[in-house]
Amino acid sequence: EVLENLSMIKNIIPQDSASYKDNLLKIQPDFVIHGDDWQFGYQKKYRT
């Protein structure tokens, strides 16, 4: 509900895993935007 009030967002869908795989295969976006904090540490595998 909070995000629906932000003008920058067109669509909101559930991401049911820390992995982005299912949603990316479905949408096949031209760009994925993320903070650079996942270059190291536990989330690095999701970035790869």
ModelCIF file with pLDDT and N, C-alpha, C, O atoms, coordinates in Angstrom:
data_MODEL
#
_entry.id   MODEL 
#
_entity.id                         1 
_entity.type                       polymer 
_entity.pdbx_number_of_molecules   1 
#
_entity_poly.entity_id                      1 
_entity_poly.type                           'polypeptide(L)' 
_entity_poly.nstd_linkage                   no 
_entity_poly.nstd_monomer                   no 
_entity_poly.pdbx_seq_one_letter_code       EVLENLSMIKNIIPQDSASYKDNLLKIQPDFVIHGDDWQFGYQKKYRT 
_entity_poly.pdbx_seq_one_letter_code_can   EVLENLSMIKNIIPQDSASYKDNLLKIQPDFVIHGDDWQFGYQKKYRT 
_entity_poly.pdbx_strand_id                 A 
#
loop_
_entity_poly_seq.entity_id 
_entity_poly_seq.num 
_entity_poly_seq.mon_id 
_entity_poly_seq.hetero 
1 1  GLU n 
1 2  VAL n 
1 3  LEU n 
1 4  GLU n 
1 5  ASN n 
1 6  LEU n 
1 7  SER n 
1 8  MET n 
1 9  ILE n 
1 10 LYS n 
1 11 ASN n 
1 12 ILE n 
1 13 ILE n 
1 14 PRO n 
1 15 GLN n 
1 16 ASP n 
1 17 SER n 
1 18 ALA n 
1 19 SER n 
1 20 TYR n 
1 21 LYS n 
1 22 ASP n 
1 23 ASN n 
1 24 LEU n 
1 25 LEU n 
1 26 LYS n 
1 27 ILE n 
1 28 GLN n 
1 29 PRO n 
1 30 ASP n 
1 31 PHE n 
1 32 VAL n 
1 33 ILE n 
1 34 HIS n 
1 35 GLY n 
1 36 ASP n 
1 37 ASP n 
1 38 TRP n 
1 39 GLN n 
1 40 PHE n 
1 41 GLY n 
1 42 TYR n 
1 43 GLN n 
1 44 LYS n 
1 45 LYS n 
1 46 TYR n 
1 47 ARG n 
1 48 THR n 
#
_struct_asym.id          A 
_struct_asym.entity_id   1 
#
loop_
_ma_qa_metric.id 
_ma_qa_metric.mode 
_ma_qa_metric.name 
_ma_qa_metric.software_group_id 
_ma_qa_metric.type 
1 global pLDDT . pLDDT 
2 local  pLDDT . pLDDT 
#
_ma_qa_metric_global.metric_id      1 
_ma_qa_metric_global.metric_value   94.58 
_ma_qa_metric_global.model_id       1 
_ma_qa_metric_global.ordinal_id     1 
#
loop_
_ma_qa_metric_local.label_asym_id 
_ma_qa_metric_local.label_comp_id 
_ma_qa_metric_local.label_seq_id 
_ma_qa_metric_local.metric_id 
_ma_qa_metric_local.metric_value 
_ma_qa_metric_local.model_id 
_ma_qa_metric_local.ordinal_id 
A GLU 1  2 96.00 1 1  
A VAL 2  2 95.00 1 2  
A LEU 3  2 96.00 1 3  
A GLU 4  2 95.00 1 4  
A ASN 5  2 94.00 1 5  
A LEU 6  2 95.00 1 6  
A SER 7  2 94.00 1 7  
A MET 8  2 95.00 1 8  
A ILE 9  2 97.00 1 9  
A LYS 10 2 96.00 1 10 
A ASN 11 2 97.00 1 11 
A ILE 12 2 97.00 1 12 
A ILE 13 2 97.00 1 13 
A PRO 14 2 97.00 1 14 
A GLN 15 2 97.00 1 15 
A ASP 16 2 96.00 1 16 
A SER 17 2 95.00 1 17 
A ALA 18 2 95.00 1 18 
A SER 19 2 96.00 1 19 
A TYR 20 2 97.00 1 20 
A LYS 21 2 97.00 1 21 
A ASP 22 2 97.00 1 22 
A ASN 23 2 97.00 1 23 
A LEU 24 2 98.00 1 24 
A LEU 25 2 97.00 1 25 
A LYS 26 2 96.00 1 26 
A ILE 27 2 96.00 1 27 
A GLN 28 2 97.00 1 28 
A PRO 29 2 97.00 1 29 
A ASP 30 2 98.00 1 30 
A PHE 31 2 98.00 1 31 
A VAL 32 2 98.00 1 32 
A ILE 33 2 97.00 1 33 
A HIS 34 2 95.00 1 34 
A GLY 35 2 91.00 1 35 
A ASP 36 2 91.00 1 36 
A ASP 37 2 87.00 1 37 
A TRP 38 2 91.00 1 38 
A GLN 39 2 90.00 1 39 
A PHE 40 2 85.00 1 40 
A GLY 41 2 83.00 1 41 
A TYR 42 2 85.00 1 42 
A GLN 43 2 90.00 1 43 
A LYS 44 2 92.00 1 44 
A LYS 45 2 93.00 1 45 
A TYR 46 2 95.00 1 46 
A ARG 47 2 96.00 1 47 
A THR 48 2 96.00 1 48 
#
loop_
_atom_site.group_PDB 
_atom_site.id 
_atom_site.type_symbol 
_atom_site.label_atom_id 
_atom_site.label_alt_id 
_atom_site.label_comp_id 
_atom_site.label_asym_id 
_atom_site.label_entity_id 
_atom_site.label_seq_id 
_atom_site.pdbx_PDB_ins_code 
_atom_site.Cartn_x 
_atom_site.Cartn_y 
_atom_site.Cartn_z 
_atom_site.occupancy 
_atom_site.B_iso_or_equiv 
_atom_site.pdbx_formal_charge 
_atom_site.auth_seq_id 
_atom_site.auth_comp_id 
_atom_site.auth_asym_id 
_atom_site.auth_atom_id 
_atom_site.pdbx_PDB_model_num 
ATOM 1   N N  . GLU A 1 1  ? 0.821  -1.208  0.000   1.00 96.00 ? 1  GLU A N  1 
ATOM 2   C CA . GLU A 1 1  ? 0.000  0.000   0.000   1.00 96.00 ? 1  GLU A CA 1 
ATOM 3   C C  . GLU A 1 1  ? 0.860  1.264   0.000   1.00 96.00 ? 1  GLU A C  1 
ATOM 4   O O  . GLU A 1 1  ? 0.519  2.253   -0.649  1.00 96.00 ? 1  GLU A O  1 
ATOM 5   N N  . VAL A 1 2  ? 1.962  1.225   0.723   1.00 95.00 ? 2  VAL A N  1 
ATOM 6   C CA . VAL A 1 2  ? 2.875  2.374   0.756   1.00 95.00 ? 2  VAL A CA 1 
ATOM 7   C C  . VAL A 1 2  ? 3.484  2.600   -0.629  1.00 95.00 ? 2  VAL A C  1 
ATOM 8   O O  . VAL A 1 2  ? 3.507  3.724   -1.130  1.00 95.00 ? 2  VAL A O  1 
ATOM 9   N N  . LEU A 1 3  ? 3.974  1.522   -1.240  1.00 96.00 ? 3  LEU A N  1 
ATOM 10  C CA . LEU A 1 3  ? 4.642  1.645   -2.536  1.00 96.00 ? 3  LEU A CA 1 
ATOM 11  C C  . LEU A 1 3  ? 3.696  2.071   -3.651  1.00 96.00 ? 3  LEU A C  1 
ATOM 12  O O  . LEU A 1 3  ? 4.114  2.734   -4.600  1.00 96.00 ? 3  LEU A O  1 
ATOM 13  N N  . GLU A 1 4  ? 2.424  1.695   -3.542  1.00 95.00 ? 4  GLU A N  1 
ATOM 14  C CA . GLU A 1 4  ? 1.437  2.057   -4.573  1.00 95.00 ? 4  GLU A CA 1 
ATOM 15  C C  . GLU A 1 4  ? 1.242  3.567   -4.675  1.00 95.00 ? 4  GLU A C  1 
ATOM 16  O O  . GLU A 1 4  ? 0.710  4.058   -5.671  1.00 95.00 ? 4  GLU A O  1 
ATOM 17  N N  . ASN A 1 5  ? 1.665  4.299   -3.661  1.00 94.00 ? 5  ASN A N  1 
ATOM 18  C CA . ASN A 1 5  ? 1.516  5.749   -3.668  1.00 94.00 ? 5  ASN A CA 1 
ATOM 19  C C  . ASN A 1 5  ? 2.757  6.479   -4.183  1.00 94.00 ? 5  ASN A C  1 
ATOM 20  O O  . ASN A 1 5  ? 2.825  7.708   -4.150  1.00 94.00 ? 5  ASN A O  1 
ATOM 21  N N  . LEU A 1 6  ? 3.740  5.705   -4.660  1.00 95.00 ? 6  LEU A N  1 
ATOM 22  C CA . LEU A 1 6  ? 4.947  6.314   -5.215  1.00 95.00 ? 6  LEU A CA 1 
ATOM 23  C C  . LEU A 1 6  ? 4.835  6.366   -6.737  1.00 95.00 ? 6  LEU A C  1 
ATOM 24  O O  . LEU A 1 6  ? 4.614  5.348   -7.394  1.00 95.00 ? 6  LEU A O  1 
ATOM 25  N N  . SER A 1 7  ? 4.990  7.563   -7.278  1.00 94.00 ? 7  SER A N  1 
ATOM 26  C CA . SER A 1 7  ? 4.771  7.789   -8.713  1.00 94.00 ? 7  SER A CA 1 
ATOM 27  C C  . SER A 1 7  ? 5.810  7.094   -9.587  1.00 94.00 ? 7  SER A C  1 
ATOM 28  O O  . SER A 1 7  ? 5.558  6.871   -10.771 1.00 94.00 ? 7  SER A O  1 
ATOM 29  N N  . MET A 1 8  ? 6.968  6.748   -9.035  1.00 95.00 ? 8  MET A N  1 
ATOM 30  C CA . MET A 1 8  ? 8.029  6.133   -9.846  1.00 95.00 ? 8  MET A CA 1 
ATOM 31  C C  . MET A 1 8  ? 7.704  4.691   -10.227 1.00 95.00 ? 8  MET A C  1 
ATOM 32  O O  . MET A 1 8  ? 8.325  4.131   -11.131 1.00 95.00 ? 8  MET A O  1 
ATOM 33  N N  . ILE A 1 9  ? 6.731  4.088   -9.540  1.00 97.00 ? 9  ILE A N  1 
ATOM 34  C CA . ILE A 1 9  ? 6.466  2.655   -9.701  1.00 97.00 ? 9  ILE A CA 1 
ATOM 35  C C  . ILE A 1 9  ? 5.236  2.437   -10.587 1.00 97.00 ? 9  ILE A C  1 
ATOM 36  O O  . ILE A 1 9  ? 4.184  3.036   -10.362 1.00 97.00 ? 9  ILE A O  1 
ATOM 37  N N  . LYS A 1 10 ? 5.382  1.571   -11.596 1.00 96.00 ? 10 LYS A N  1 
ATOM 38  C CA . LYS A 1 10 ? 4.269  1.240   -12.486 1.00 96.00 ? 10 LYS A CA 1 
ATOM 39  C C  . LYS A 1 10 ? 3.527  -0.017  -12.016 1.00 96.00 ? 10 LYS A C  1 
ATOM 40  O O  . LYS A 1 10 ? 2.297  -0.043  -11.968 1.00 96.00 ? 10 LYS A O  1 
ATOM 41  N N  . ASN A 1 11 ? 4.291  -1.054  -11.671 1.00 97.00 ? 11 ASN A N  1 
ATOM 42  C CA . ASN A 1 11 ? 3.690  -2.327  -11.267 1.00 97.00 ? 11 ASN A CA 1 
ATOM 43  C C  . ASN A 1 11 ? 4.353  -2.847  -9.989  1.00 97.00 ? 11 ASN A C  1 
ATOM 44  O O  . ASN A 1 11 ? 5.530  -2.586  -9.738  1.00 97.00 ? 11 ASN A O  1 
ATOM 45  N N  . ILE A 1 12 ? 3.584  -3.585  -9.187  1.00 97.00 ? 12 ILE A N  1 
ATOM 46  C CA . ILE A 1 12 ? 4.115  -4.250  -7.997  1.00 97.00 ? 12 ILE A CA 1 
ATOM 47  C C  . ILE A 1 12 ? 3.697  -5.711  -8.048  1.00 97.00 ? 12 ILE A C  1 
ATOM 48  O O  . ILE A 1 12 ? 2.510  -6.024  -8.138  1.00 97.00 ? 12 ILE A O  1 
ATOM 49  N N  . ILE A 1 13 ? 4.686  -6.605  -7.989  1.00 97.00 ? 13 ILE A N  1 
ATOM 50  C CA . ILE A 1 13 ? 4.397  -8.038  -7.988  1.00 97.00 ? 13 ILE A CA 1 
ATOM 51  C C  . ILE A 1 13 ? 5.135  -8.690  -6.814  1.00 97.00 ? 13 ILE A C  1 
ATOM 52  O O  . ILE A 1 13 ? 6.149  -8.156  -6.363  1.00 97.00 ? 13 ILE A O  1 
ATOM 53  N N  . PRO A 1 14 ? 4.656  -9.821  -6.315  1.00 97.00 ? 14 PRO A N  1 
ATOM 54  C CA . PRO A 1 14 ? 5.371  -10.477 -5.213  1.00 97.00 ? 14 PRO A CA 1 
ATOM 55  C C  . PRO A 1 14 ? 6.655  -11.146 -5.683  1.00 97.00 ? 14 PRO A C  1 
ATOM 56  O O  . PRO A 1 14 ? 6.686  -11.765 -6.747  1.00 97.00 ? 14 PRO A O  1 
ATOM 57  N N  . GLN A 1 15 ? 7.698  -11.023 -4.900  1.00 97.00 ? 15 GLN A N  1 
ATOM 58  C CA . GLN A 1 15 ? 8.916  -11.816 -5.107  1.00 97.00 ? 15 GLN A CA 1 
ATOM 59  C C  . GLN A 1 15 ? 8.972  -12.810 -3.958  1.00 97.00 ? 15 GLN A C  1 
ATOM 60  O O  . GLN A 1 15 ? 9.180  -12.425 -2.807  1.00 97.00 ? 15 GLN A O  1 
ATOM 61  N N  . ASP A 1 16 ? 8.785  -14.086 -4.270  1.00 96.00 ? 16 ASP A N  1 
ATOM 62  C CA . ASP A 1 16 ? 8.568  -15.100 -3.247  1.00 96.00 ? 16 ASP A CA 1 
ATOM 63  C C  . ASP A 1 16 ? 9.846  -15.798 -2.805  1.00 96.00 ? 16 ASP A C  1 
ATOM 64  O O  . ASP A 1 16 ? 9.797  -16.776 -2.060  1.00 96.00 ? 16 ASP A O  1 
ATOM 65  N N  . SER A 1 17 ? 10.984 -15.298 -3.262  1.00 95.00 ? 17 SER A N  1 
ATOM 66  C CA . SER A 1 17 ? 12.271 -15.884 -2.878  1.00 95.00 ? 17 SER A CA 1 
ATOM 67  C C  . SER A 1 17 ? 13.325 -14.799 -2.888  1.00 95.00 ? 17 SER A C  1 
ATOM 68  O O  . SER A 1 17 ? 13.189 -13.794 -3.585  1.00 95.00 ? 17 SER A O  1 
ATOM 69  N N  . ALA A 1 18 ? 14.387 -15.006 -2.105  1.00 95.00 ? 18 ALA A N  1 
ATOM 70  C CA . ALA A 1 18 ? 15.502 -14.058 -2.157  1.00 95.00 ? 18 ALA A CA 1 
ATOM 71  C C  . ALA A 1 18 ? 16.181 -14.107 -3.518  1.00 95.00 ? 18 ALA A C  1 
ATOM 72  O O  . ALA A 1 18 ? 16.852 -13.155 -3.917  1.00 95.00 ? 18 ALA A O  1 
ATOM 73  N N  . SER A 1 19 ? 16.008 -15.215 -4.228  1.00 96.00 ? 19 SER A N  1 
ATOM 74  C CA . SER A 1 19 ? 16.479 -15.326 -5.609  1.00 96.00 ? 19 SER A CA 1 
ATOM 75  C C  . SER A 1 19 ? 15.540 -14.555 -6.533  1.00 96.00 ? 19 SER A C  1 
ATOM 76  O O  . SER A 1 19 ? 14.323 -14.587 -6.356  1.00 96.00 ? 19 SER A O  1 
ATOM 77  N N  . TYR A 1 20 ? 16.105 -13.867 -7.509  1.00 97.00 ? 20 TYR A N  1 
ATOM 78  C CA . TYR A 1 20 ? 15.330 -13.079 -8.468  1.00 97.00 ? 20 TYR A CA 1 
ATOM 79  C C  . TYR A 1 20 ? 14.904 -13.903 -9.677  1.00 97.00 ? 20 TYR A C  1 
ATOM 80  O O  . TYR A 1 20 ? 14.194 -13.400 -10.548 1.00 97.00 ? 20 TYR A O  1 
ATOM 81  N N  . LYS A 1 21 ? 15.324 -15.147 -9.740  1.00 97.00 ? 21 LYS A N  1 
ATOM 82  C CA . LYS A 1 21 ? 15.226 -15.950 -10.957 1.00 97.00 ? 21 LYS A CA 1 
ATOM 83  C C  . LYS A 1 21 ? 13.817 -16.014 -11.546 1.00 97.00 ? 21 LYS A C  1 
ATOM 84  O O  . LYS A 1 21 ? 13.624 -15.710 -12.723 1.00 97.00 ? 21 LYS A O  1 
ATOM 85  N N  . ASP A 1 22 ? 12.831 -16.410 -10.733 1.00 97.00 ? 22 ASP A N  1 
ATOM 86  C CA . ASP A 1 22 ? 11.476 -16.624 -11.263 1.00 97.00 ? 22 ASP A CA 1 
ATOM 87  C C  . ASP A 1 22 ? 10.905 -15.357 -11.892 1.00 97.00 ? 22 ASP A C  1 
ATOM 88  O O  . ASP A 1 22 ? 10.365 -15.397 -12.997 1.00 97.00 ? 22 ASP A O  1 
ATOM 89  N N  . ASN A 1 23 ? 11.025 -14.235 -11.187 1.00 97.00 ? 23 ASN A N  1 
ATOM 90  C CA . ASN A 1 23 ? 10.462 -12.991 -11.708 1.00 97.00 ? 23 ASN A CA 1 
ATOM 91  C C  . ASN A 1 23 ? 11.224 -12.466 -12.912 1.00 97.00 ? 23 ASN A C  1 
ATOM 92  O O  . ASN A 1 23 ? 10.624 -11.918 -13.836 1.00 97.00 ? 23 ASN A O  1 
ATOM 93  N N  . LEU A 1 24 ? 12.532 -12.629 -12.909 1.00 98.00 ? 24 LEU A N  1 
ATOM 94  C CA . LEU A 1 24 ? 13.315 -12.142 -14.052 1.00 98.00 ? 24 LEU A CA 1 
ATOM 95  C C  . LEU A 1 24 ? 13.009 -12.956 -15.315 1.00 98.00 ? 24 LEU A C  1 
ATOM 96  O O  . LEU A 1 24 ? 12.908 -12.395 -16.406 1.00 98.00 ? 24 LEU A O  1 
ATOM 97  N N  . LEU A 1 25 ? 12.864 -14.257 -15.169 1.00 97.00 ? 25 LEU A N  1 
ATOM 98  C CA . LEU A 1 25 ? 12.528 -15.088 -16.338 1.00 97.00 ? 25 LEU A CA 1 
ATOM 99  C C  . LEU A 1 25 ? 11.149 -14.740 -16.888 1.00 97.00 ? 25 LEU A C  1 
ATOM 100 O O  . LEU A 1 25 ? 10.915 -14.809 -18.094 1.00 97.00 ? 25 LEU A O  1 
ATOM 101 N N  . LYS A 1 26 ? 10.244 -14.368 -15.994 1.00 96.00 ? 26 LYS A N  1 
ATOM 102 C CA . LYS A 1 26 ? 8.887  -14.023 -16.417 1.00 96.00 ? 26 LYS A CA 1 
ATOM 103 C C  . LYS A 1 26 ? 8.842  -12.664 -17.111 1.00 96.00 ? 26 LYS A C  1 
ATOM 104 O O  . LYS A 1 26 ? 8.165  -12.504 -18.127 1.00 96.00 ? 26 LYS A O  1 
ATOM 105 N N  . ILE A 1 27 ? 9.564  -11.687 -16.560 1.00 96.00 ? 27 ILE A N  1 
ATOM 106 C CA . ILE A 1 27 ? 9.492  -10.318 -17.079 1.00 96.00 ? 27 ILE A CA 1 
ATOM 107 C C  . ILE A 1 27 ? 10.551 -10.044 -18.149 1.00 96.00 ? 27 ILE A C  1 
ATOM 108 O O  . ILE A 1 27 ? 10.304 -9.302  -19.100 1.00 96.00 ? 27 ILE A O  1 
ATOM 109 N N  . GLN A 1 28 ? 11.733 -10.651 -17.986 1.00 97.00 ? 28 GLN A N  1 
ATOM 110 C CA . GLN A 1 28 ? 12.889 -10.381 -18.839 1.00 97.00 ? 28 GLN A CA 1 
ATOM 111 C C  . GLN A 1 28 ? 13.135 -8.877  -18.989 1.00 97.00 ? 28 GLN A C  1 
ATOM 112 O O  . GLN A 1 28 ? 13.045 -8.342  -20.094 1.00 97.00 ? 28 GLN A O  1 
ATOM 113 N N  . PRO A 1 29 ? 13.445 -8.193  -17.879 1.00 97.00 ? 29 PRO A N  1 
ATOM 114 C CA . PRO A 1 29 ? 13.621 -6.734  -17.925 1.00 97.00 ? 29 PRO A CA 1 
ATOM 115 C C  . PRO A 1 29 ? 14.894 -6.344  -18.660 1.00 97.00 ? 29 PRO A C  1 
ATOM 116 O O  . PRO A 1 29 ? 15.853 -7.109  -18.763 1.00 97.00 ? 29 PRO A O  1 
ATOM 117 N N  . ASP A 1 30 ? 14.855 -5.113  -19.167 1.00 98.00 ? 30 ASP A N  1 
ATOM 118 C CA . ASP A 1 30 ? 16.057 -4.571  -19.805 1.00 98.00 ? 30 ASP A CA 1 
ATOM 119 C C  . ASP A 1 30 ? 17.085 -4.167  -18.753 1.00 98.00 ? 30 ASP A C  1 
ATOM 120 O O  . ASP A 1 30 ? 18.293 -4.226  -18.986 1.00 98.00 ? 30 ASP A O  1 
ATOM 121 N N  . PHE A 1 31 ? 16.571 -3.749  -17.574 1.00 98.00 ? 31 PHE A N  1 
ATOM 122 C CA . PHE A 1 31 ? 17.468 -3.294  -16.505 1.00 98.00 ? 31 PHE A CA 1 
ATOM 123 C C  . PHE A 1 31 ? 17.005 -3.861  -15.158 1.00 98.00 ? 31 PHE A C  1 
ATOM 124 O O  . PHE A 1 31 ? 15.809 -3.985  -14.891 1.00 98.00 ? 31 PHE A O  1 
ATOM 125 N N  . VAL A 1 32 ? 17.979 -4.197  -14.331 1.00 98.00 ? 32 VAL A N  1 
ATOM 126 C CA . VAL A 1 32 ? 17.725 -4.481  -12.915 1.00 98.00 ? 32 VAL A CA 1 
ATOM 127 C C  . VAL A 1 32 ? 18.509 -3.454  -12.112 1.00 98.00 ? 32 VAL A C  1 
ATOM 128 O O  . VAL A 1 32 ? 19.709 -3.272  -12.313 1.00 98.00 ? 32 VAL A O  1 
ATOM 129 N N  . ILE A 1 33 ? 17.817 -2.794  -11.208 1.00 97.00 ? 33 ILE A N  1 
ATOM 130 C CA . ILE A 1 33 ? 18.451 -1.760  -10.379 1.00 97.00 ? 33 ILE A CA 1 
ATOM 131 C C  . ILE A 1 33 ? 18.570 -2.275  -8.950  1.00 97.00 ? 33 ILE A C  1 
ATOM 132 O O  . ILE A 1 33 ? 17.610 -2.808  -8.393  1.00 97.00 ? 33 ILE A O  1 
ATOM 133 N N  . HIS A 1 34 ? 19.749 -2.116  -8.361  1.00 95.00 ? 34 HIS A N  1 
ATOM 134 C CA . HIS A 1 34 ? 19.973 -2.585  -6.985  1.00 95.00 ? 34 HIS A CA 1 
ATOM 135 C C  . HIS A 1 34 ? 21.073 -1.735  -6.358  1.00 95.00 ? 34 HIS A C  1 
ATOM 136 O O  . HIS A 1 34 ? 21.910 -1.168  -7.060  1.00 95.00 ? 34 HIS A O  1 
ATOM 137 N N  . GLY A 1 35 ? 21.062 -1.654  -5.038  1.00 91.00 ? 35 GLY A N  1 
ATOM 138 C CA . GLY A 1 35 ? 22.174 -1.015  -4.339  1.00 91.00 ? 35 GLY A CA 1 
ATOM 139 C C  . GLY A 1 35 ? 23.438 -1.847  -4.494  1.00 91.00 ? 35 GLY A C  1 
ATOM 140 O O  . GLY A 1 35 ? 23.365 -3.055  -4.724  1.00 91.00 ? 35 GLY A O  1 
ATOM 141 N N  . ASP A 1 36 ? 24.603 -1.205  -4.368  1.00 91.00 ? 36 ASP A N  1 
ATOM 142 C CA . ASP A 1 36 ? 25.857 -1.940  -4.579  1.00 91.00 ? 36 ASP A CA 1 
ATOM 143 C C  . ASP A 1 36 ? 26.300 -2.722  -3.347  1.00 91.00 ? 36 ASP A C  1 
ATOM 144 O O  . ASP A 1 36 ? 27.400 -3.274  -3.330  1.00 91.00 ? 36 ASP A O  1 
ATOM 145 N N  . ASP A 1 37 ? 25.451 -2.776  -2.310  1.00 87.00 ? 37 ASP A N  1 
ATOM 146 C CA . ASP A 1 37 ? 25.813 -3.466  -1.072  1.00 87.00 ? 37 ASP A CA 1 
ATOM 147 C C  . ASP A 1 37 ? 25.858 -4.985  -1.231  1.00 87.00 ? 37 ASP A C  1 
ATOM 148 O O  . ASP A 1 37 ? 26.422 -5.669  -0.378  1.00 87.00 ? 37 ASP A O  1 
ATOM 149 N N  . TRP A 1 38 ? 25.275 -5.528  -2.304  1.00 91.00 ? 38 TRP A N  1 
ATOM 150 C CA . TRP A 1 38 ? 25.267 -6.986  -2.456  1.00 91.00 ? 38 TRP A CA 1 
ATOM 151 C C  . TRP A 1 38 ? 26.455 -7.514  -3.252  1.00 91.00 ? 38 TRP A C  1 
ATOM 152 O O  . TRP A 1 38 ? 26.474 -8.680  -3.647  1.00 91.00 ? 38 TRP A O  1 
ATOM 153 N N  . GLN A 1 39 ? 27.452 -6.651  -3.489  1.00 90.00 ? 39 GLN A N  1 
ATOM 154 C CA . GLN A 1 39 ? 28.660 -7.105  -4.178  1.00 90.00 ? 39 GLN A CA 1 
ATOM 155 C C  . GLN A 1 39 ? 29.512 -8.012  -3.300  1.00 90.00 ? 39 GLN A C  1 
ATOM 156 O O  . GLN A 1 39 ? 30.360 -8.758  -3.791  1.00 90.00 ? 39 GLN A O  1 
ATOM 157 N N  . PHE A 1 40 ? 29.273 -7.936  -1.992  1.00 85.00 ? 40 PHE A N  1 
ATOM 158 C CA . PHE A 1 40 ? 30.023 -8.752  -1.038  1.00 85.00 ? 40 PHE A CA 1 
ATOM 159 C C  . PHE A 1 40 ? 29.036 -9.376  -0.052  1.00 85.00 ? 40 PHE A C  1 
ATOM 160 O O  . PHE A 1 40 ? 27.897 -8.927  0.074   1.00 85.00 ? 40 PHE A O  1 
ATOM 161 N N  . GLY A 1 41 ? 29.485 -10.403 0.633   1.00 83.00 ? 41 GLY A N  1 
ATOM 162 C CA . GLY A 1 41 ? 28.663 -10.990 1.683   1.00 83.00 ? 41 GLY A CA 1 
ATOM 163 C C  . GLY A 1 41 ? 27.660 -12.008 1.176   1.00 83.00 ? 41 GLY A C  1 
ATOM 164 O O  . GLY A 1 41 ? 27.785 -12.532 0.069   1.00 83.00 ? 41 GLY A O  1 
ATOM 165 N N  . TYR A 1 42 ? 26.666 -12.279 2.006   1.00 85.00 ? 42 TYR A N  1 
ATOM 166 C CA . TYR A 1 42 ? 25.718 -13.369 1.788   1.00 85.00 ? 42 TYR A CA 1 
ATOM 167 C C  . TYR A 1 42 ? 24.895 -13.203 0.522   1.00 85.00 ? 42 TYR A C  1 
ATOM 168 O O  . TYR A 1 42 ? 24.539 -14.194 -0.114  1.00 85.00 ? 42 TYR A O  1 
ATOM 169 N N  . GLN A 1 43 ? 24.584 -11.954 0.142   1.00 90.00 ? 43 GLN A N  1 
ATOM 170 C CA . GLN A 1 43 ? 23.731 -11.726 -1.029  1.00 90.00 ? 43 GLN A CA 1 
ATOM 171 C C  . GLN A 1 43 ? 24.485 -11.772 -2.357  1.00 90.00 ? 43 GLN A C  1 
ATOM 172 O O  . GLN A 1 43 ? 23.883 -11.651 -3.424  1.00 90.00 ? 43 GLN A O  1 
ATOM 173 N N  . LYS A 1 44 ? 25.781 -11.944 -2.286  1.00 92.00 ? 44 LYS A N  1 
ATOM 174 C CA . LYS A 1 44 ? 26.583 -11.947 -3.509  1.00 92.00 ? 44 LYS A CA 1 
ATOM 175 C C  . LYS A 1 44 ? 26.118 -13.023 -4.493  1.00 92.00 ? 44 LYS A C  1 
ATOM 176 O O  . LYS A 1 44 ? 26.158 -12.817 -5.706  1.00 92.00 ? 44 LYS A O  1 
ATOM 177 N N  . LYS A 1 45 ? 25.673 -14.182 -3.963  1.00 93.00 ? 45 LYS A N  1 
ATOM 178 C CA . LYS A 1 45 ? 25.235 -15.276 -4.840  1.00 93.00 ? 45 LYS A CA 1 
ATOM 179 C C  . LYS A 1 45 ? 24.000 -14.891 -5.648  1.00 93.00 ? 45 LYS A C  1 
ATOM 180 O O  . LYS A 1 45 ? 23.830 -15.346 -6.779  1.00 93.00 ? 45 LYS A O  1 
ATOM 181 N N  . TYR A 1 46 ? 23.127 -14.043 -5.064  1.00 95.00 ? 46 TYR A N  1 
ATOM 182 C CA . TYR A 1 46 ? 21.944 -13.598 -5.803  1.00 95.00 ? 46 TYR A CA 1 
ATOM 183 C C  . TYR A 1 46 ? 22.336 -12.621 -6.903  1.00 95.00 ? 46 TYR A C  1 
ATOM 184 O O  . TYR A 1 46 ? 21.739 -12.617 -7.980  1.00 95.00 ? 46 TYR A O  1 
ATOM 185 N N  . ARG A 1 47 ? 23.330 -11.803 -6.631  1.00 96.00 ? 47 ARG A N  1 
ATOM 186 C CA . ARG A 1 47 ? 23.833 -10.871 -7.650  1.00 96.00 ? 47 ARG A CA 1 
ATOM 187 C C  . ARG A 1 47 ? 24.422 -11.638 -8.832  1.00 96.00 ? 47 ARG A C  1 
ATOM 188 O O  . ARG A 1 47 ? 24.164 -11.301 -9.988  1.00 96.00 ? 47 ARG A O  1 
ATOM 189 N N  . THR A 1 48 ? 25.216 -12.672 -8.539  1.00 96.00 ? 48 THR A N  1 
ATOM 190 C CA . THR A 1 48 ? 25.816 -13.491 -9.599  1.00 96.00 ? 48 THR A CA 1 
ATOM 191 C C  . THR A 1 48 ? 24.738 -14.130 -10.461 1.00 96.00 ? 48 THR A C  1 
ATOM 192 O O  . THR A 1 48 ? 25.052 -14.855 -11.405 1.00 96.00 ? 48 THR A O  1 
#
